[in-house]
Protein backbone atom coordinates (compact mmCIF):
# COMPACT_ATOMS: atom_id res chain seq x y z
CA MET A 1 202.37 42.89 -172.16
CA PRO A 2 199.11 44.16 -174.87
CA ASP A 3 195.71 42.67 -174.05
CA LYS A 4 194.91 39.82 -176.76
CA ARG A 5 191.24 41.38 -176.72
CA VAL A 6 192.44 44.84 -177.34
CA GLU A 7 194.83 44.13 -180.14
CA MET A 8 192.31 41.84 -181.87
CA GLY A 9 190.26 44.62 -181.90
CA SER A 10 192.60 46.79 -183.39
CA ILE A 11 193.60 44.52 -185.91
CA VAL A 12 190.26 43.93 -187.19
CA ASP A 13 189.38 47.68 -187.11
CA GLU A 14 192.98 48.00 -189.07
CA THR A 15 191.99 45.38 -191.36
CA LYS A 16 188.29 46.23 -192.43
CA ARG A 17 189.90 50.68 -193.58
CA TYR A 18 193.36 49.07 -194.94
CA SER A 19 191.04 46.20 -197.05
CA ALA A 20 187.95 49.02 -198.03
CA LYS A 21 185.53 47.11 -195.93
CA ASP A 22 182.70 47.87 -193.29
CA THR A 23 182.58 44.06 -191.96
CA LEU A 24 184.35 41.04 -191.89
CA SER A 25 183.23 37.68 -192.15
CA ARG A 26 183.42 35.67 -189.59
CA GLU A 27 186.13 32.92 -190.97
CA GLN A 28 188.22 36.37 -191.39
CA TYR A 29 187.85 36.76 -187.59
CA ARG A 30 188.82 33.29 -187.45
CA ARG A 31 191.70 33.54 -189.41
CA ILE A 32 192.89 36.93 -187.89
CA ASN A 33 192.80 34.87 -184.48
CA ARG A 34 194.27 31.89 -185.48
CA ALA A 35 197.47 34.41 -186.94
CA LEU A 36 197.65 36.46 -183.26
CA ASP A 37 197.10 33.23 -181.83
CA SER A 38 200.52 32.76 -183.82
CA ASP A 39 203.40 34.05 -183.91
CA LEU A 40 201.98 37.17 -184.31
CA GLU A 41 201.03 36.96 -180.55
CA THR A 42 205.30 36.05 -179.95
CA PHE A 43 206.19 39.57 -181.14
CA LEU A 44 203.20 41.53 -179.71
CA LEU A 45 205.00 39.92 -176.28
CA SER A 46 208.51 40.15 -177.30
CA GLY A 47 209.22 43.50 -176.05
CA ARG A 48 211.55 44.33 -178.91
CA SER A 49 210.45 43.26 -182.71
CA PHE A 50 212.18 42.82 -185.89
CA PHE A 51 210.57 42.78 -188.61
CA VAL A 52 213.19 41.78 -191.83
CA LEU A 53 211.37 42.69 -195.32
CA GLY A 54 213.99 41.44 -198.22
CA SER A 55 213.55 40.01 -201.58
CA TYR A 56 212.22 35.96 -201.52
CA GLY A 57 214.13 34.77 -204.40
CA GLU A 58 215.77 31.32 -203.53
CA ASN A 59 219.49 33.10 -202.35
CA GLU A 60 218.45 36.27 -201.36
CA ARG A 61 215.65 34.10 -198.75
CA GLU A 62 218.82 32.25 -197.54
CA ARG A 63 219.99 35.51 -196.75
CA LEU A 64 217.21 37.05 -195.07
CA THR A 65 216.83 34.03 -193.42
CA ALA A 66 220.75 34.38 -191.77
CA VAL A 67 220.20 38.28 -190.68
CA LYS A 68 216.19 37.26 -189.02
CA ASN A 69 218.49 33.93 -187.32
CA ARG A 70 220.78 36.64 -186.01
CA LEU A 71 217.91 39.31 -185.12
CA ASP A 72 216.50 36.68 -183.07
CA ARG A 73 218.87 36.80 -181.01
CA GLU A 74 217.60 40.43 -179.93
CA GLY A 75 214.66 39.91 -179.44
CA HIS A 76 211.69 38.25 -181.35
CA ALA A 77 212.10 38.64 -185.25
CA PHE A 78 210.25 37.37 -188.29
CA LEU A 79 209.05 37.76 -192.02
CA MET A 80 205.77 38.31 -193.14
CA ASP A 81 205.55 34.73 -194.34
CA ASP A 82 206.15 33.57 -190.73
CA VAL A 83 202.64 34.73 -190.13
CA PRO A 84 199.81 32.57 -190.54
CA GLU A 85 197.66 34.30 -194.27
CA ALA A 86 194.72 35.93 -192.26
CA TRP A 87 194.29 38.85 -194.27
CA GLU A 88 192.62 39.49 -198.60
CA PHE A 89 195.66 41.70 -198.83
CA TRP A 90 199.45 41.13 -198.32
CA THR A 91 199.29 44.51 -198.47
CA THR A 92 196.88 44.83 -195.27
CA LYS A 93 198.78 42.00 -193.85
CA PHE A 94 202.35 44.13 -194.44
CA LYS A 95 200.68 47.51 -192.31
CA VAL A 96 198.85 45.42 -190.28
CA LEU A 97 203.21 43.54 -189.24
CA ALA A 98 204.52 47.31 -189.59
CA ASN A 99 202.45 49.40 -187.59
CA ARG A 100 203.27 46.72 -184.42
CA ALA A 101 206.82 46.16 -185.43
CA ASP A 102 209.15 47.50 -183.07
CA HIS A 103 211.98 47.82 -186.05
CA ILE A 104 211.89 47.63 -189.00
CA VAL A 105 214.70 46.10 -190.96
CA GLY A 106 215.10 45.89 -195.26
CA VAL A 107 217.81 43.71 -196.75
CA TYR A 108 217.97 45.21 -199.83
CA GLU A 109 219.85 43.83 -202.75
CA HIS A 110 218.14 45.28 -205.37
CA THR A 111 214.49 46.38 -206.55
CA ASP A 112 213.10 43.25 -208.25
CA GLY A 113 209.70 42.45 -206.40
CA GLY A 114 206.90 43.16 -204.30
CA HIS A 115 210.16 44.83 -201.60
CA GLU A 116 210.34 48.17 -203.31
CA TRP A 117 206.22 48.62 -202.89
CA GLU A 118 207.03 48.06 -199.23
CA ALA A 119 209.82 50.30 -199.39
CA GLY A 120 207.40 53.16 -200.54
CA TYR A 121 204.89 52.67 -198.28
CA LEU A 122 207.91 52.72 -195.32
CA ASP A 123 208.40 56.31 -196.73
CA HIS A 124 206.12 57.98 -194.64
CA GLU A 125 207.58 59.66 -191.82
CA ALA A 126 205.67 57.48 -189.28
CA TYR A 127 208.05 54.76 -189.97
CA ARG A 128 211.34 56.43 -190.27
CA ASP A 129 212.14 56.02 -186.77
CA LYS A 130 211.84 52.35 -186.79
CA ILE A 131 213.19 51.33 -190.56
CA ARG A 132 216.63 50.06 -190.58
CA VAL A 133 218.48 49.24 -194.44
CA LEU A 134 221.13 46.91 -194.99
CA LYS A 135 221.42 47.83 -198.49
CA ARG A 136 223.73 45.71 -200.63
CA ASP A 137 226.84 48.03 -202.11
CA TYR A 138 228.48 46.81 -206.06
CA VAL A 139 231.64 47.96 -205.00
CA ASP A 140 232.82 46.39 -208.81
CA LEU A 141 230.42 48.73 -210.65
CA ASP A 142 232.10 52.00 -211.08
CA ASP A 143 228.69 53.89 -211.98
CA PRO A 144 226.41 53.82 -209.17
CA THR A 145 223.54 53.72 -211.52
CA ASP A 146 224.67 50.39 -212.62
CA GLU A 147 223.57 48.88 -209.69
CA PRO A 148 219.78 46.78 -209.70
CA PHE A 149 217.91 50.23 -208.36
CA ASP A 150 215.56 51.98 -209.85
CA GLY A 151 215.74 55.88 -209.04
CA MET A 152 212.78 56.26 -206.52
CA PHE A 153 214.18 52.94 -204.28
CA SER A 154 217.78 54.67 -204.56
CA HIS A 155 216.34 58.31 -203.51
CA PHE A 156 214.64 56.15 -200.57
CA VAL A 157 218.04 54.66 -198.90
CA ARG A 158 219.78 57.70 -199.71
CA LEU A 159 217.26 59.94 -197.28
CA LEU A 160 217.93 56.99 -194.89
CA ASN A 161 221.12 57.45 -195.02
CA ARG A 162 220.97 61.07 -194.34
CA LEU A 163 219.07 60.12 -191.69
CA ASP A 164 221.95 57.36 -190.66
CA ARG A 165 219.19 54.49 -190.97
CA VAL A 166 221.79 52.58 -193.59
CA VAL A 167 224.38 50.01 -193.04
CA PHE A 168 225.90 49.25 -196.60
CA TRP A 169 227.98 45.81 -197.32
CA GLU A 170 229.75 44.27 -199.76
CA GLY A 171 228.54 42.85 -202.56
CA PRO A 172 230.63 42.89 -205.77
CA THR A 173 228.72 41.27 -208.45
CA ASP A 174 231.29 37.88 -208.54
CA ALA A 175 230.89 37.54 -205.16
CA THR A 176 229.83 33.90 -204.16
CA ASP A 177 227.49 32.84 -201.69
CA ASP A 178 229.51 32.86 -198.62
CA GLU A 179 231.20 35.92 -199.34
CA LEU A 180 228.07 37.52 -199.56
CA ALA A 181 226.46 36.04 -195.98
CA ASP A 182 229.69 36.63 -194.14
CA SER A 183 229.44 40.86 -195.56
CA LEU A 184 226.02 40.67 -194.67
CA LEU A 185 226.02 39.20 -191.04
CA ASP A 186 229.26 41.38 -190.23
CA ALA A 187 226.43 44.18 -191.42
CA THR A 188 223.88 42.72 -189.24
CA GLU A 189 226.22 43.31 -186.21
CA ALA A 190 226.89 46.68 -187.36
CA LEU A 191 223.13 47.25 -187.15
CA VAL A 192 222.75 45.83 -184.33
CA GLU A 193 225.15 47.86 -182.55
CA ASP A 194 223.66 50.92 -183.89
CA ILE A 195 220.20 49.97 -182.79
CA ASP A 196 221.55 49.45 -178.95
CA ARG A 197 223.60 52.94 -179.74
CA ARG A 198 219.64 54.80 -179.90
């Protein structure tokens, strides 16, 4: 079990480094401490945590929450906004959380949003053992380049697939929300089985 004081010091050091600051204000210390007392402490103590990433668009958010709820049965799963705001920049918050999560699970349906930046950051070798991807496969599109993923993101997914870290879920363009949710949850089960085998 991590010591709260040691963890607080580590988070403060990372916050300063990632935010390009030499010191933090008293209020910034308080906000980090409040975050540490909330969901952040819960996942630090869980023994097995899942940081779930993806689009926060209305329909996609429901599917992210469903994945989070399923993974919560395996440990402690959370979305970035489950942890209170304590950082000046969301990129700092993301890095602090990514460093502490046992598993990082990207649920990717397109590259429209901040999750594209997150994927670029997670392409570093230090995160490859942690990351898994649930990628929507637009099975009704004949040409993969017609999918709503840009080239850089597609290469990121291809690299992770080479490392057996991607589970594809069927999501044709005309699928209903219920069909998409069912397909994604089936893929999530496969992802859990894969993590348990390793």
